[in-house]
N, C-alpha and C. Protein backbone atom coordinates (compact mmCIF):
# COMPACT_ATOMS: atom_id res chain seq x y z
N MET A 1 -8.74 -24.88 -5.96
CA MET A 1 -9.34 -23.64 -5.48
C MET A 1 -9.26 -22.60 -6.60
N SER A 2 -10.37 -21.87 -6.78
CA SER A 2 -10.39 -20.84 -7.81
C SER A 2 -9.63 -19.60 -7.32
N VAL A 3 -9.26 -18.77 -8.25
CA VAL A 3 -8.57 -17.52 -7.89
C VAL A 3 -9.49 -16.67 -7.02
N PHE A 4 -10.77 -16.65 -7.36
CA PHE A 4 -11.73 -15.87 -6.57
C PHE A 4 -11.78 -16.36 -5.12
N GLU A 5 -11.86 -17.68 -4.93
CA GLU A 5 -11.89 -18.23 -3.57
C GLU A 5 -10.58 -17.98 -2.84
N PHE A 6 -9.50 -17.95 -3.60
CA PHE A 6 -8.19 -17.68 -2.99
C PHE A 6 -8.12 -16.23 -2.51
N LEU A 7 -8.55 -15.29 -3.35
CA LEU A 7 -8.47 -13.87 -2.99
C LEU A 7 -9.50 -13.49 -1.93
N LEU A 8 -10.69 -14.08 -2.01
CA LEU A 8 -11.76 -13.79 -1.05
C LEU A 8 -12.26 -15.10 -0.48
N PRO A 9 -11.52 -15.66 0.48
CA PRO A 9 -11.92 -16.95 1.06
C PRO A 9 -13.25 -16.82 1.80
N PRO A 10 -14.00 -17.91 1.87
CA PRO A 10 -15.29 -17.87 2.57
C PRO A 10 -15.16 -17.47 4.04
N VAL A 11 -14.01 -17.79 4.64
CA VAL A 11 -13.76 -17.43 6.03
C VAL A 11 -12.45 -16.64 6.09
N ALA A 12 -12.52 -15.43 6.64
CA ALA A 12 -11.32 -14.63 6.83
C ALA A 12 -10.72 -15.01 8.18
N ASP A 13 -9.57 -15.68 8.14
CA ASP A 13 -8.95 -16.12 9.38
C ASP A 13 -7.43 -15.90 9.31
N ASN A 14 -6.74 -16.46 10.25
CA ASN A 14 -5.29 -16.26 10.32
C ASN A 14 -4.52 -17.39 9.64
N THR A 15 -5.18 -18.10 8.73
CA THR A 15 -4.54 -19.17 7.99
C THR A 15 -3.85 -18.58 6.76
N ALA A 16 -2.57 -18.79 6.65
CA ALA A 16 -1.83 -18.34 5.47
C ALA A 16 -1.62 -19.56 4.58
N ARG A 17 -2.11 -19.48 3.38
CA ARG A 17 -2.00 -20.58 2.45
C ARG A 17 -0.66 -20.53 1.73
N GLY A 18 0.03 -21.65 1.68
CA GLY A 18 1.30 -21.71 0.95
C GLY A 18 2.44 -21.06 1.69
N THR A 19 3.39 -20.56 0.92
CA THR A 19 4.59 -19.95 1.50
C THR A 19 4.25 -18.69 2.30
N GLN A 20 5.05 -18.41 3.30
CA GLN A 20 4.82 -17.26 4.18
C GLN A 20 5.47 -15.98 3.66
N LEU A 21 6.28 -16.05 2.61
CA LEU A 21 6.97 -14.87 2.09
C LEU A 21 6.02 -13.70 1.81
N PRO A 22 4.89 -13.91 1.11
CA PRO A 22 3.99 -12.77 0.88
C PRO A 22 3.48 -12.14 2.17
N VAL A 23 3.25 -12.95 3.20
CA VAL A 23 2.77 -12.42 4.48
C VAL A 23 3.84 -11.56 5.13
N TYR A 24 5.06 -12.08 5.19
CA TYR A 24 6.15 -11.33 5.84
C TYR A 24 6.43 -10.02 5.11
N LEU A 25 6.46 -10.06 3.78
CA LEU A 25 6.69 -8.83 3.02
C LEU A 25 5.53 -7.86 3.22
N PHE A 26 4.31 -8.37 3.27
CA PHE A 26 3.15 -7.51 3.47
C PHE A 26 3.22 -6.80 4.82
N ARG A 27 3.67 -7.51 5.84
CA ARG A 27 3.83 -6.88 7.16
C ARG A 27 4.81 -5.72 7.10
N VAL A 28 5.91 -5.92 6.39
CA VAL A 28 6.89 -4.83 6.23
C VAL A 28 6.25 -3.65 5.51
N LEU A 29 5.52 -3.93 4.44
CA LEU A 29 4.85 -2.86 3.68
C LEU A 29 3.82 -2.15 4.54
N ALA A 30 3.13 -2.87 5.42
CA ALA A 30 2.15 -2.26 6.31
C ALA A 30 2.82 -1.31 7.30
N ILE A 31 3.97 -1.71 7.79
CA ILE A 31 4.72 -0.84 8.71
C ILE A 31 5.21 0.41 7.98
N VAL A 32 5.71 0.23 6.76
CA VAL A 32 6.13 1.38 5.94
C VAL A 32 4.95 2.31 5.69
N SER A 33 3.78 1.75 5.40
CA SER A 33 2.57 2.56 5.20
C SER A 33 2.21 3.35 6.44
N THR A 34 2.39 2.74 7.60
CA THR A 34 2.09 3.42 8.86
C THR A 34 3.02 4.61 9.05
N VAL A 35 4.30 4.41 8.80
CA VAL A 35 5.28 5.50 8.93
C VAL A 35 4.98 6.61 7.92
N ARG A 36 4.71 6.21 6.68
CA ARG A 36 4.42 7.19 5.62
C ARG A 36 3.20 8.02 5.99
N SER A 37 2.17 7.36 6.50
CA SER A 37 0.95 8.09 6.86
C SER A 37 1.22 9.06 8.01
N GLY A 38 2.04 8.64 8.96
CA GLY A 38 2.39 9.51 10.07
C GLY A 38 3.14 10.76 9.62
N ILE A 39 4.02 10.59 8.65
CA ILE A 39 4.75 11.75 8.11
C ILE A 39 3.79 12.73 7.47
N HIS A 40 2.89 12.22 6.60
CA HIS A 40 1.94 13.12 5.93
C HIS A 40 1.00 13.78 6.92
N LEU A 41 0.66 13.08 7.96
CA LEU A 41 -0.28 13.60 8.95
C LEU A 41 0.37 14.59 9.91
N LEU A 42 1.62 14.31 10.32
CA LEU A 42 2.24 15.07 11.41
C LEU A 42 3.33 16.06 11.01
N ALA A 43 3.96 15.89 9.87
CA ALA A 43 5.03 16.83 9.46
C ALA A 43 4.43 18.21 9.24
N PRO A 44 5.16 19.26 9.61
CA PRO A 44 4.62 20.63 9.47
C PRO A 44 4.13 20.95 8.06
N ASP A 45 4.80 20.41 7.04
CA ASP A 45 4.37 20.66 5.66
C ASP A 45 3.69 19.42 5.06
N GLY A 46 3.42 18.42 5.88
CA GLY A 46 2.80 17.19 5.41
C GLY A 46 3.70 16.39 4.49
N GLY A 47 4.95 16.81 4.38
CA GLY A 47 5.89 16.16 3.47
C GLY A 47 5.81 16.72 2.06
N ALA A 48 4.91 17.65 1.82
CA ALA A 48 4.72 18.19 0.47
C ALA A 48 5.98 18.87 -0.06
N GLY A 49 6.60 19.72 0.76
CA GLY A 49 7.82 20.41 0.33
C GLY A 49 9.06 19.65 0.70
N SER A 50 9.12 19.19 1.96
CA SER A 50 10.34 18.57 2.48
C SER A 50 10.64 17.21 1.83
N ILE A 51 9.62 16.48 1.40
CA ILE A 51 9.85 15.16 0.82
C ILE A 51 9.50 15.15 -0.66
N ALA A 52 8.30 15.63 -1.00
CA ALA A 52 7.85 15.57 -2.39
C ALA A 52 8.50 16.65 -3.26
N GLY A 53 9.00 17.71 -2.64
CA GLY A 53 9.66 18.77 -3.41
C GLY A 53 8.72 19.75 -4.06
N MET A 54 7.53 19.91 -3.49
CA MET A 54 6.58 20.88 -4.04
C MET A 54 6.95 22.28 -3.56
N ASP A 55 6.69 23.25 -4.41
CA ASP A 55 6.96 24.64 -4.07
C ASP A 55 5.82 25.15 -3.18
N LEU A 56 6.13 25.37 -1.92
CA LEU A 56 5.10 25.83 -0.98
C LEU A 56 5.16 27.34 -0.74
N SER A 57 5.88 28.06 -1.60
CA SER A 57 5.91 29.51 -1.48
C SER A 57 4.82 30.15 -2.34
N VAL A 58 3.99 29.35 -2.97
CA VAL A 58 2.94 29.85 -3.85
C VAL A 58 1.66 30.11 -3.06
N ALA A 59 0.76 30.88 -3.66
CA ALA A 59 -0.55 31.10 -3.06
C ALA A 59 -1.27 29.76 -3.00
N GLY A 60 -1.95 29.51 -1.90
CA GLY A 60 -2.67 28.25 -1.75
C GLY A 60 -1.85 27.12 -1.16
N ALA A 61 -0.64 27.44 -0.69
CA ALA A 61 0.22 26.40 -0.12
C ALA A 61 -0.43 25.75 1.10
N SER A 62 -1.19 26.52 1.85
CA SER A 62 -1.83 25.92 3.03
C SER A 62 -2.84 24.84 2.61
N GLY A 63 -3.45 25.01 1.46
CA GLY A 63 -4.36 23.99 0.94
C GLY A 63 -3.62 22.72 0.54
N ILE A 64 -2.42 22.90 0.00
CA ILE A 64 -1.58 21.75 -0.36
C ILE A 64 -1.20 20.99 0.90
N ILE A 65 -0.77 21.72 1.91
CA ILE A 65 -0.37 21.09 3.18
C ILE A 65 -1.56 20.38 3.81
N PHE A 66 -2.72 21.03 3.78
CA PHE A 66 -3.93 20.42 4.30
C PHE A 66 -4.25 19.11 3.56
N SER A 67 -4.13 19.14 2.24
CA SER A 67 -4.41 17.94 1.43
C SER A 67 -3.47 16.80 1.78
N PHE A 68 -2.20 17.12 1.98
CA PHE A 68 -1.24 16.08 2.35
C PHE A 68 -1.56 15.49 3.71
N ALA A 69 -1.94 16.35 4.67
CA ALA A 69 -2.30 15.86 6.00
C ALA A 69 -3.58 15.02 5.94
N LEU A 70 -4.52 15.46 5.14
CA LEU A 70 -5.76 14.70 4.96
C LEU A 70 -5.47 13.34 4.34
N TRP A 71 -4.59 13.33 3.34
CA TRP A 71 -4.18 12.09 2.71
C TRP A 71 -3.50 11.19 3.75
N GLY A 72 -2.71 11.78 4.62
CA GLY A 72 -2.06 11.01 5.69
C GLY A 72 -3.06 10.35 6.61
N SER A 73 -4.16 11.05 6.91
CA SER A 73 -5.17 10.45 7.79
C SER A 73 -5.85 9.27 7.10
N ALA A 74 -6.12 9.39 5.80
CA ALA A 74 -6.69 8.26 5.05
C ALA A 74 -5.69 7.11 4.97
N GLN A 75 -4.43 7.43 4.76
CA GLN A 75 -3.39 6.40 4.71
C GLN A 75 -3.26 5.68 6.05
N LEU A 76 -3.44 6.41 7.14
CA LEU A 76 -3.34 5.80 8.47
C LEU A 76 -4.45 4.77 8.68
N ILE A 77 -5.65 5.09 8.24
CA ILE A 77 -6.76 4.13 8.34
C ILE A 77 -6.44 2.89 7.50
N TYR A 78 -5.97 3.09 6.28
CA TYR A 78 -5.60 1.98 5.39
C TYR A 78 -4.46 1.17 6.02
N ALA A 79 -3.49 1.83 6.62
CA ALA A 79 -2.38 1.14 7.26
C ALA A 79 -2.86 0.29 8.44
N CYS A 80 -3.84 0.78 9.18
CA CYS A 80 -4.42 -0.01 10.28
C CYS A 80 -5.07 -1.28 9.74
N VAL A 81 -5.78 -1.16 8.62
CA VAL A 81 -6.37 -2.34 7.99
C VAL A 81 -5.26 -3.29 7.53
N GLN A 82 -4.20 -2.74 6.93
CA GLN A 82 -3.08 -3.58 6.49
C GLN A 82 -2.46 -4.33 7.66
N LEU A 83 -2.22 -3.63 8.75
CA LEU A 83 -1.63 -4.27 9.93
C LEU A 83 -2.54 -5.35 10.50
N THR A 84 -3.82 -5.06 10.54
CA THR A 84 -4.79 -6.04 11.04
C THR A 84 -4.78 -7.30 10.18
N VAL A 85 -4.78 -7.12 8.87
CA VAL A 85 -4.76 -8.27 7.97
C VAL A 85 -3.43 -9.01 8.08
N GLY A 86 -2.35 -8.27 8.10
CA GLY A 86 -1.02 -8.89 8.14
C GLY A 86 -0.75 -9.71 9.39
N PHE A 87 -1.37 -9.32 10.50
CA PHE A 87 -1.09 -10.01 11.75
C PHE A 87 -2.28 -10.83 12.29
N ARG A 88 -3.49 -10.60 11.78
CA ARG A 88 -4.64 -11.32 12.35
C ARG A 88 -5.50 -12.05 11.31
N TYR A 89 -5.56 -11.54 10.10
CA TYR A 89 -6.40 -12.15 9.06
C TYR A 89 -5.57 -12.43 7.81
N ARG A 90 -4.54 -13.24 8.00
CA ARG A 90 -3.57 -13.50 6.93
C ARG A 90 -4.18 -14.12 5.68
N SER A 91 -5.34 -14.74 5.80
CA SER A 91 -5.97 -15.33 4.61
C SER A 91 -6.35 -14.25 3.59
N LEU A 92 -6.42 -13.00 4.02
CA LEU A 92 -6.77 -11.88 3.14
C LEU A 92 -5.56 -11.14 2.56
N VAL A 93 -4.35 -11.58 2.89
CA VAL A 93 -3.15 -10.90 2.39
C VAL A 93 -3.12 -10.85 0.86
N PRO A 94 -3.40 -11.93 0.14
CA PRO A 94 -3.38 -11.82 -1.32
C PRO A 94 -4.36 -10.76 -1.85
N PHE A 95 -5.55 -10.69 -1.26
CA PHE A 95 -6.51 -9.66 -1.67
C PHE A 95 -5.97 -8.26 -1.39
N MET A 96 -5.29 -8.10 -0.27
CA MET A 96 -4.69 -6.80 0.06
C MET A 96 -3.61 -6.41 -0.95
N TYR A 97 -2.88 -7.39 -1.47
CA TYR A 97 -1.91 -7.10 -2.54
C TYR A 97 -2.62 -6.59 -3.79
N VAL A 98 -3.79 -7.14 -4.09
CA VAL A 98 -4.55 -6.65 -5.24
C VAL A 98 -4.96 -5.20 -5.00
N LEU A 99 -5.41 -4.89 -3.77
CA LEU A 99 -5.75 -3.50 -3.44
C LEU A 99 -4.53 -2.58 -3.51
N LEU A 100 -3.39 -3.08 -3.04
CA LEU A 100 -2.15 -2.31 -3.10
C LEU A 100 -1.77 -2.00 -4.55
N PHE A 101 -1.92 -3.00 -5.41
CA PHE A 101 -1.67 -2.81 -6.84
C PHE A 101 -2.60 -1.74 -7.41
N ALA A 102 -3.89 -1.84 -7.08
CA ALA A 102 -4.87 -0.87 -7.58
C ALA A 102 -4.57 0.53 -7.07
N GLU A 103 -4.18 0.63 -5.80
CA GLU A 103 -3.86 1.94 -5.23
C GLU A 103 -2.68 2.59 -5.96
N ALA A 104 -1.62 1.83 -6.19
CA ALA A 104 -0.44 2.36 -6.88
C ALA A 104 -0.80 2.74 -8.32
N LEU A 105 -1.58 1.91 -8.98
CA LEU A 105 -1.97 2.18 -10.36
C LEU A 105 -2.82 3.45 -10.43
N LEU A 106 -3.73 3.62 -9.49
CA LEU A 106 -4.56 4.83 -9.47
C LEU A 106 -3.75 6.08 -9.16
N ARG A 107 -2.76 5.97 -8.27
CA ARG A 107 -1.89 7.12 -8.00
C ARG A 107 -1.16 7.54 -9.27
N MET A 108 -0.69 6.55 -10.02
CA MET A 108 0.01 6.85 -11.26
C MET A 108 -0.94 7.48 -12.28
N LEU A 109 -2.16 6.98 -12.35
CA LEU A 109 -3.16 7.53 -13.27
C LEU A 109 -3.48 8.98 -12.91
N VAL A 110 -3.68 9.25 -11.63
CA VAL A 110 -3.94 10.62 -11.19
C VAL A 110 -2.77 11.53 -11.54
N GLY A 111 -1.54 11.01 -11.38
CA GLY A 111 -0.36 11.80 -11.74
C GLY A 111 -0.33 12.17 -13.20
N HIS A 112 -0.85 11.30 -14.06
CA HIS A 112 -0.90 11.61 -15.50
C HIS A 112 -2.08 12.52 -15.83
N MET A 113 -3.20 12.34 -15.13
CA MET A 113 -4.39 13.14 -15.40
C MET A 113 -4.28 14.56 -14.85
N LYS A 114 -3.62 14.68 -13.71
CA LYS A 114 -3.50 15.98 -13.04
C LYS A 114 -2.04 16.21 -12.66
N PRO A 115 -1.20 16.45 -13.65
CA PRO A 115 0.24 16.56 -13.36
C PRO A 115 0.58 17.76 -12.48
N VAL A 116 1.59 17.56 -11.64
CA VAL A 116 2.08 18.58 -10.72
C VAL A 116 3.58 18.73 -10.96
N THR A 117 4.07 19.95 -10.77
CA THR A 117 5.50 20.20 -10.91
C THR A 117 6.18 20.01 -9.56
N PHE A 118 7.21 19.19 -9.55
CA PHE A 118 7.99 18.92 -8.35
C PHE A 118 9.42 19.38 -8.59
N ALA A 119 10.12 19.73 -7.51
CA ALA A 119 11.53 20.10 -7.62
C ALA A 119 12.37 18.87 -7.97
N HIS A 120 11.89 17.71 -7.56
CA HIS A 120 12.54 16.43 -7.84
C HIS A 120 11.46 15.36 -7.83
N THR A 121 11.78 14.19 -8.29
CA THR A 121 10.80 13.11 -8.29
C THR A 121 10.56 12.65 -6.85
N PRO A 122 9.30 12.67 -6.40
CA PRO A 122 9.00 12.23 -5.03
C PRO A 122 9.28 10.74 -4.87
N PRO A 123 9.64 10.31 -3.66
CA PRO A 123 9.92 8.90 -3.43
C PRO A 123 8.76 7.98 -3.80
N GLY A 124 7.54 8.45 -3.59
CA GLY A 124 6.37 7.64 -3.90
C GLY A 124 6.26 7.31 -5.38
N ALA A 125 6.76 8.21 -6.23
CA ALA A 125 6.71 7.95 -7.67
C ALA A 125 7.58 6.75 -8.04
N TYR A 126 8.75 6.69 -7.42
CA TYR A 126 9.62 5.52 -7.65
C TYR A 126 8.99 4.26 -7.04
N ALA A 127 8.41 4.43 -5.86
CA ALA A 127 7.82 3.29 -5.16
C ALA A 127 6.68 2.66 -5.97
N ASN A 128 5.94 3.47 -6.71
CA ASN A 128 4.85 2.93 -7.51
C ASN A 128 5.36 1.90 -8.52
N TYR A 129 6.50 2.20 -9.13
CA TYR A 129 7.05 1.29 -10.15
C TYR A 129 7.59 0.00 -9.53
N VAL A 130 7.86 0.02 -8.25
CA VAL A 130 8.29 -1.19 -7.54
C VAL A 130 7.05 -1.93 -7.02
N THR A 131 6.09 -1.18 -6.51
CA THR A 131 4.89 -1.77 -5.91
C THR A 131 4.10 -2.59 -6.91
N LEU A 132 3.92 -2.08 -8.12
CA LEU A 132 3.09 -2.78 -9.11
C LEU A 132 3.57 -4.21 -9.37
N PRO A 133 4.81 -4.40 -9.79
CA PRO A 133 5.22 -5.79 -10.05
C PRO A 133 5.36 -6.64 -8.79
N VAL A 134 5.81 -6.04 -7.70
CA VAL A 134 5.97 -6.81 -6.46
C VAL A 134 4.61 -7.31 -5.96
N ALA A 135 3.60 -6.45 -5.99
CA ALA A 135 2.27 -6.86 -5.53
C ALA A 135 1.74 -8.02 -6.36
N MET A 136 1.84 -7.93 -7.67
CA MET A 136 1.34 -9.01 -8.51
C MET A 136 2.20 -10.27 -8.37
N LEU A 137 3.50 -10.08 -8.20
CA LEU A 137 4.37 -11.23 -7.98
C LEU A 137 3.99 -11.96 -6.70
N MET A 138 3.71 -11.21 -5.63
CA MET A 138 3.35 -11.83 -4.36
C MET A 138 2.00 -12.56 -4.45
N VAL A 139 1.06 -12.01 -5.20
CA VAL A 139 -0.21 -12.72 -5.41
C VAL A 139 0.06 -14.02 -6.16
N GLY A 140 0.90 -13.94 -7.19
CA GLY A 140 1.24 -15.12 -7.96
C GLY A 140 1.95 -16.18 -7.14
N VAL A 141 2.93 -15.76 -6.35
CA VAL A 141 3.68 -16.68 -5.49
C VAL A 141 2.74 -17.32 -4.46
N ALA A 142 1.90 -16.51 -3.86
CA ALA A 142 0.98 -17.02 -2.85
C ALA A 142 0.00 -18.03 -3.46
N TYR A 143 -0.55 -17.70 -4.62
CA TYR A 143 -1.51 -18.61 -5.26
C TYR A 143 -0.82 -19.90 -5.71
N TRP A 144 0.32 -19.75 -6.34
CA TRP A 144 1.06 -20.93 -6.83
C TRP A 144 1.41 -21.85 -5.67
N SER A 145 1.95 -21.28 -4.59
CA SER A 145 2.36 -22.12 -3.47
C SER A 145 1.16 -22.71 -2.73
N ALA A 146 0.05 -21.98 -2.67
CA ALA A 146 -1.15 -22.49 -2.00
C ALA A 146 -1.74 -23.66 -2.79
N THR A 147 -1.73 -23.57 -4.09
CA THR A 147 -2.29 -24.66 -4.89
C THR A 147 -1.36 -25.88 -4.91
N ARG A 148 -0.09 -25.68 -4.64
CA ARG A 148 0.87 -26.79 -4.61
C ARG A 148 0.95 -27.44 -3.23
N GLU A 149 0.90 -26.63 -2.19
CA GLU A 149 1.14 -27.15 -0.84
C GLU A 149 -0.12 -27.32 0.00
N GLY A 150 -1.23 -26.74 -0.41
CA GLY A 150 -2.42 -26.82 0.42
C GLY A 150 -2.38 -25.75 1.51
N HIS A 151 -3.06 -25.97 2.60
CA HIS A 151 -3.13 -25.00 3.70
C HIS A 151 -2.12 -25.34 4.78
N ARG A 152 -1.62 -24.26 5.39
CA ARG A 152 -0.70 -24.42 6.51
C ARG A 152 -1.06 -23.43 7.58
N GLU A 153 -1.30 -23.89 8.75
CA GLU A 153 -1.61 -23.01 9.88
C GLU A 153 -0.32 -22.35 10.37
N GLY A 154 -0.42 -21.13 10.84
CA GLY A 154 0.77 -20.45 11.32
C GLY A 154 0.63 -19.92 12.64
């Protein structure tokens, strides 16, 4: 099977190819994404000051809070897709890891292109450095085990 066929199988179903470790870890990450999105969406400051350490005493702070809440709503939609894939369309989990990698990489790029001053390093900044290698490792593990073991229904 080619890498392309592995990442985007002709049929999206609940078949997990190879070891189940990438699926189980992805489910955990999807739950974390759901919680994270809820915080950004529902926290009074969207997590901008209380978690990220942004100074919200400046002019335009309401715009910052709005942006964090808006980001939370987008994250919630993405988390719903993650949960759906993790529990119903497991054949797409490796592709979702590629998207997760791209998302973390783009967040890091935006941070370099449009730097912001924080009181401390936000948790997401640390998480990006963990997400990048873990996502690619899980794609590698899933592909390697799928090509060695074939398909396994779950």
